[in-house]
Amino acid sequence: MMLILKILTAPVSLLIFLFVWLCAGLISCSEIVFRLAGGIMTLLALAVLFTYSVKNSIILLVIAVLVSPMGLPLLAVKLLSGLQSINNRLKGFLHS
């Protein structure tokens, strides 16, 4: 029974590994784009602060933080870390 379960678990572990590898590569490649977008949004927020309104400037700053590498990309890295942890547990089950 355990052998059958291990045989069924091996492809799932491989798929999780490939998915994490692909997503980590995409996040790594998009880091420059996120940095540029965050910087541009910050400059735009400062321009809006001095010319238009404080409310719109705060909204733009929040968007800039979300787009920056410390915003949503960091959340994606944390989620991938959790998925990798699950995959490591599956591999531990396969090797036991």
N, C-alpha and C. Protein backbone atom coordinates (compact mmCIF):
# COMPACT_ATOMS: atom_id res chain seq x y z
N MET A 1 0.82 -1.19 0.00
CA MET A 1 0.00 0.00 0.00
C MET A 1 0.87 1.26 0.00
N MET A 2 1.95 1.26 0.82
CA MET A 2 2.83 2.42 0.88
C MET A 2 3.57 2.62 -0.44
N LEU A 3 3.92 1.50 -1.11
CA LEU A 3 4.62 1.60 -2.38
C LEU A 3 3.74 2.28 -3.43
N ILE A 4 2.47 1.93 -3.47
CA ILE A 4 1.54 2.55 -4.42
C ILE A 4 1.40 4.04 -4.13
N LEU A 5 1.32 4.39 -2.85
CA LEU A 5 1.20 5.79 -2.46
C LEU A 5 2.46 6.57 -2.84
N LYS A 6 3.62 5.94 -2.69
CA LYS A 6 4.86 6.60 -3.08
C LYS A 6 4.96 6.77 -4.59
N ILE A 7 4.50 5.79 -5.33
CA ILE A 7 4.51 5.88 -6.79
C ILE A 7 3.58 6.99 -7.26
N LEU A 8 2.46 7.18 -6.60
CA LEU A 8 1.53 8.25 -6.96
C LEU A 8 2.02 9.63 -6.51
N THR A 9 2.83 9.66 -5.48
CA THR A 9 3.31 10.93 -4.93
C THR A 9 4.50 11.48 -5.71
N ALA A 10 5.28 10.62 -6.34
CA ALA A 10 6.49 11.06 -7.04
C ALA A 10 6.20 12.05 -8.17
N PRO A 11 5.22 11.81 -9.05
CA PRO A 11 4.95 12.81 -10.10
C PRO A 11 4.43 14.14 -9.54
N VAL A 12 3.69 14.08 -8.44
CA VAL A 12 3.19 15.31 -7.82
C VAL A 12 4.37 16.14 -7.31
N SER A 13 5.33 15.47 -6.71
CA SER A 13 6.52 16.16 -6.21
C SER A 13 7.31 16.77 -7.37
N LEU A 14 7.41 16.07 -8.46
CA LEU A 14 8.11 16.59 -9.63
C LEU A 14 7.39 17.81 -10.20
N LEU A 15 6.07 17.76 -10.29
CA LEU A 15 5.30 18.89 -10.79
C LEU A 15 5.44 20.12 -9.89
N ILE A 16 5.42 19.91 -8.59
CA ILE A 16 5.60 21.03 -7.66
C ILE A 16 6.99 21.62 -7.82
N PHE A 17 8.00 20.77 -7.95
CA PHE A 17 9.37 21.25 -8.15
C PHE A 17 9.48 22.09 -9.41
N LEU A 18 8.93 21.62 -10.52
CA LEU A 18 8.99 22.36 -11.78
C LEU A 18 8.23 23.68 -11.70
N PHE A 19 7.08 23.67 -11.04
CA PHE A 19 6.29 24.89 -10.88
C PHE A 19 7.04 25.93 -10.06
N VAL A 20 7.64 25.50 -8.95
CA VAL A 20 8.40 26.42 -8.10
C VAL A 20 9.61 26.95 -8.86
N TRP A 21 10.29 26.11 -9.60
CA TRP A 21 11.45 26.52 -10.36
C TRP A 21 11.07 27.56 -11.42
N LEU A 22 9.97 27.32 -12.13
CA LEU A 22 9.51 28.25 -13.15
C LEU A 22 9.09 29.59 -12.54
N CYS A 23 8.33 29.55 -11.47
CA CYS A 23 7.88 30.78 -10.83
C CYS A 23 9.04 31.57 -10.22
N ALA A 24 10.00 30.89 -9.65
CA ALA A 24 11.17 31.58 -9.09
C ALA A 24 11.96 32.27 -10.21
N GLY A 25 12.07 31.63 -11.33
CA GLY A 25 12.74 32.27 -12.48
C GLY A 25 11.99 33.49 -12.97
N LEU A 26 10.67 33.39 -13.05
CA LEU A 26 9.87 34.54 -13.48
C LEU A 26 9.98 35.70 -12.51
N ILE A 27 9.96 35.42 -11.23
CA ILE A 27 10.09 36.47 -10.22
C ILE A 27 11.47 37.11 -10.31
N SER A 28 12.48 36.31 -10.51
CA SER A 28 13.83 36.84 -10.63
C SER A 28 13.98 37.73 -11.85
N CYS A 29 13.42 37.32 -12.97
CA CYS A 29 13.51 38.11 -14.20
C CYS A 29 12.68 39.40 -14.11
N SER A 30 11.58 39.36 -13.41
CA SER A 30 10.71 40.54 -13.35
C SER A 30 11.12 41.53 -12.27
N GLU A 31 12.16 41.24 -11.52
CA GLU A 31 12.59 42.12 -10.44
C GLU A 31 12.96 43.51 -10.96
N ILE A 32 13.66 43.59 -12.08
CA ILE A 32 14.05 44.88 -12.64
C ILE A 32 12.81 45.68 -13.05
N VAL A 33 11.86 45.01 -13.66
CA VAL A 33 10.63 45.69 -14.08
C VAL A 33 9.88 46.22 -12.87
N PHE A 34 9.80 45.43 -11.81
CA PHE A 34 9.11 45.88 -10.60
C PHE A 34 9.83 47.06 -9.95
N ARG A 35 11.16 47.03 -9.96
CA ARG A 35 11.91 48.15 -9.39
C ARG A 35 11.67 49.44 -10.18
N LEU A 36 11.71 49.32 -11.50
CA LEU A 36 11.46 50.50 -12.33
C LEU A 36 10.04 51.02 -12.14
N ALA A 37 9.07 50.13 -12.11
CA ALA A 37 7.68 50.56 -11.93
C ALA A 37 7.48 51.22 -10.58
N GLY A 38 8.09 50.67 -9.55
CA GLY A 38 7.98 51.27 -8.22
C GLY A 38 8.61 52.65 -8.17
N GLY A 39 9.77 52.80 -8.80
CA GLY A 39 10.44 54.10 -8.84
C GLY A 39 9.64 55.14 -9.61
N ILE A 40 9.11 54.74 -10.75
CA ILE A 40 8.30 55.67 -11.56
C ILE A 40 7.04 56.07 -10.80
N MET A 41 6.40 55.11 -10.16
CA MET A 41 5.19 55.43 -9.39
C MET A 41 5.50 56.37 -8.22
N THR A 42 6.65 56.19 -7.60
CA THR A 42 7.05 57.07 -6.50
C THR A 42 7.28 58.49 -7.00
N LEU A 43 7.99 58.62 -8.11
CA LEU A 43 8.20 59.96 -8.68
C LEU A 43 6.89 60.60 -9.10
N LEU A 44 6.00 59.81 -9.67
CA LEU A 44 4.69 60.33 -10.05
C LEU A 44 3.89 60.76 -8.83
N ALA A 45 4.00 59.99 -7.74
CA ALA A 45 3.29 60.35 -6.51
C ALA A 45 3.82 61.66 -5.94
N LEU A 46 5.14 61.87 -6.01
CA LEU A 46 5.70 63.13 -5.54
C LEU A 46 5.25 64.30 -6.40
N ALA A 47 5.19 64.09 -7.72
CA ALA A 47 4.72 65.15 -8.60
C ALA A 47 3.26 65.49 -8.32
N VAL A 48 2.44 64.48 -8.08
CA VAL A 48 1.03 64.70 -7.78
C VAL A 48 0.89 65.39 -6.42
N LEU A 49 1.74 65.05 -5.47
CA LEU A 49 1.69 65.68 -4.16
C LEU A 49 1.89 67.19 -4.26
N PHE A 50 2.85 67.60 -5.09
CA PHE A 50 3.15 69.03 -5.19
C PHE A 50 2.20 69.78 -6.12
N THR A 51 1.54 69.07 -7.03
CA THR A 51 0.71 69.78 -8.00
C THR A 51 -0.78 69.59 -7.84
N TYR A 52 -1.22 68.45 -7.33
CA TYR A 52 -2.65 68.17 -7.36
C TYR A 52 -3.23 67.97 -5.97
N SER A 53 -3.12 66.77 -5.40
CA SER A 53 -3.74 66.54 -4.10
C SER A 53 -2.96 65.50 -3.29
N VAL A 54 -3.11 65.60 -1.99
CA VAL A 54 -2.44 64.67 -1.08
C VAL A 54 -3.07 63.29 -1.17
N LYS A 55 -4.39 63.25 -1.29
CA LYS A 55 -5.12 61.97 -1.33
C LYS A 55 -4.65 61.12 -2.50
N ASN A 56 -4.58 61.70 -3.68
CA ASN A 56 -4.14 60.94 -4.85
C ASN A 56 -2.67 60.55 -4.74
N SER A 57 -1.87 61.39 -4.11
CA SER A 57 -0.47 61.07 -3.91
C SER A 57 -0.30 59.86 -2.98
N ILE A 58 -1.10 59.80 -1.93
CA ILE A 58 -1.04 58.66 -1.01
C ILE A 58 -1.46 57.38 -1.73
N ILE A 59 -2.48 57.48 -2.56
CA ILE A 59 -2.93 56.31 -3.33
C ILE A 59 -1.81 55.82 -4.24
N LEU A 60 -1.13 56.73 -4.91
CA LEU A 60 -0.02 56.35 -5.79
C LEU A 60 1.15 55.76 -5.00
N LEU A 61 1.40 56.29 -3.81
CA LEU A 61 2.48 55.73 -2.98
C LEU A 61 2.15 54.31 -2.52
N VAL A 62 0.89 54.05 -2.20
CA VAL A 62 0.48 52.70 -1.81
C VAL A 62 0.66 51.74 -2.98
N ILE A 63 0.28 52.19 -4.17
CA ILE A 63 0.46 51.36 -5.36
C ILE A 63 1.95 51.12 -5.62
N ALA A 64 2.78 52.15 -5.41
CA ALA A 64 4.22 52.01 -5.61
C ALA A 64 4.81 50.99 -4.64
N VAL A 65 4.33 50.98 -3.40
CA VAL A 65 4.83 50.00 -2.43
C VAL A 65 4.39 48.59 -2.82
N LEU A 66 3.17 48.45 -3.30
CA LEU A 66 2.69 47.12 -3.71
C LEU A 66 3.47 46.60 -4.92
N VAL A 67 3.84 47.48 -5.83
CA VAL A 67 4.55 47.05 -7.04
C VAL A 67 6.04 46.84 -6.75
N SER A 68 6.57 47.52 -5.76
CA SER A 68 8.00 47.42 -5.46
C SER A 68 8.35 45.99 -5.05
N PRO A 69 9.64 45.64 -5.07
CA PRO A 69 10.03 44.29 -4.69
C PRO A 69 9.69 43.90 -3.25
N MET A 70 9.37 44.86 -2.41
CA MET A 70 8.97 44.55 -1.04
C MET A 70 7.46 44.39 -0.89
N GLY A 71 6.72 44.45 -1.98
CA GLY A 71 5.27 44.34 -1.92
C GLY A 71 4.80 42.96 -2.37
N LEU A 72 4.09 42.95 -3.46
CA LEU A 72 3.51 41.70 -3.97
C LEU A 72 4.56 40.66 -4.39
N PRO A 73 5.70 41.05 -4.98
CA PRO A 73 6.71 40.03 -5.29
C PRO A 73 7.22 39.30 -4.05
N LEU A 74 7.35 40.02 -2.94
CA LEU A 74 7.79 39.37 -1.70
C LEU A 74 6.73 38.37 -1.22
N LEU A 75 5.46 38.72 -1.39
CA LEU A 75 4.38 37.79 -1.04
C LEU A 75 4.46 36.54 -1.91
N ALA A 76 4.76 36.72 -3.20
CA ALA A 76 4.90 35.57 -4.09
C ALA A 76 6.06 34.68 -3.68
N VAL A 77 7.15 35.28 -3.24
CA VAL A 77 8.30 34.50 -2.78
C VAL A 77 7.94 33.71 -1.53
N LYS A 78 7.20 34.34 -0.62
CA LYS A 78 6.78 33.64 0.61
C LYS A 78 5.87 32.45 0.27
N LEU A 79 4.95 32.64 -0.68
CA LEU A 79 4.07 31.54 -1.09
C LEU A 79 4.86 30.41 -1.74
N LEU A 80 5.83 30.77 -2.58
CA LEU A 80 6.67 29.74 -3.19
C LEU A 80 7.51 29.01 -2.16
N SER A 81 7.93 29.72 -1.13
CA SER A 81 8.68 29.08 -0.04
C SER A 81 7.81 28.05 0.68
N GLY A 82 6.56 28.40 0.91
CA GLY A 82 5.64 27.45 1.54
C GLY A 82 5.40 26.24 0.66
N LEU A 83 5.27 26.46 -0.65
CA LEU A 83 5.08 25.35 -1.58
C LEU A 83 6.33 24.47 -1.63
N GLN A 84 7.49 25.08 -1.56
CA GLN A 84 8.74 24.31 -1.53
C GLN A 84 8.84 23.49 -0.24
N SER A 85 8.35 24.04 0.85
CA SER A 85 8.35 23.30 2.12
C SER A 85 7.45 22.07 2.02
N ILE A 86 6.30 22.22 1.39
CA ILE A 86 5.41 21.08 1.18
C ILE A 86 6.09 20.03 0.31
N ASN A 87 6.79 20.49 -0.72
CA ASN A 87 7.49 19.57 -1.61
C ASN A 87 8.60 18.83 -0.86
N ASN A 88 9.29 19.53 0.04
CA ASN A 88 10.33 18.85 0.83
C ASN A 88 9.74 17.78 1.73
N ARG A 89 8.57 18.01 2.27
CA ARG A 89 7.90 16.99 3.08
C ARG A 89 7.50 15.79 2.24
N LEU A 90 7.03 16.07 1.01
CA LEU A 90 6.71 14.96 0.10
C LEU A 90 7.96 14.15 -0.23
N LYS A 91 9.07 14.83 -0.47
CA LYS A 91 10.31 14.12 -0.77
C LYS A 91 10.78 13.31 0.45
N GLY A 92 10.58 13.85 1.63
CA GLY A 92 10.91 13.08 2.84
C GLY A 92 10.06 11.82 2.94
N PHE A 93 8.79 11.92 2.56
CA PHE A 93 7.92 10.75 2.56
C PHE A 93 8.39 9.74 1.51
N LEU A 94 8.82 10.24 0.36
CA LEU A 94 9.27 9.33 -0.71
C LEU A 94 10.55 8.60 -0.32
N HIS A 95 11.41 9.26 0.43
CA HIS A 95 12.70 8.64 0.80
C HIS A 95 12.62 7.79 2.06
N SER A 96 11.48 7.82 2.72
CA SER A 96 11.36 7.01 3.96
C SER A 96 11.02 5.57 3.66
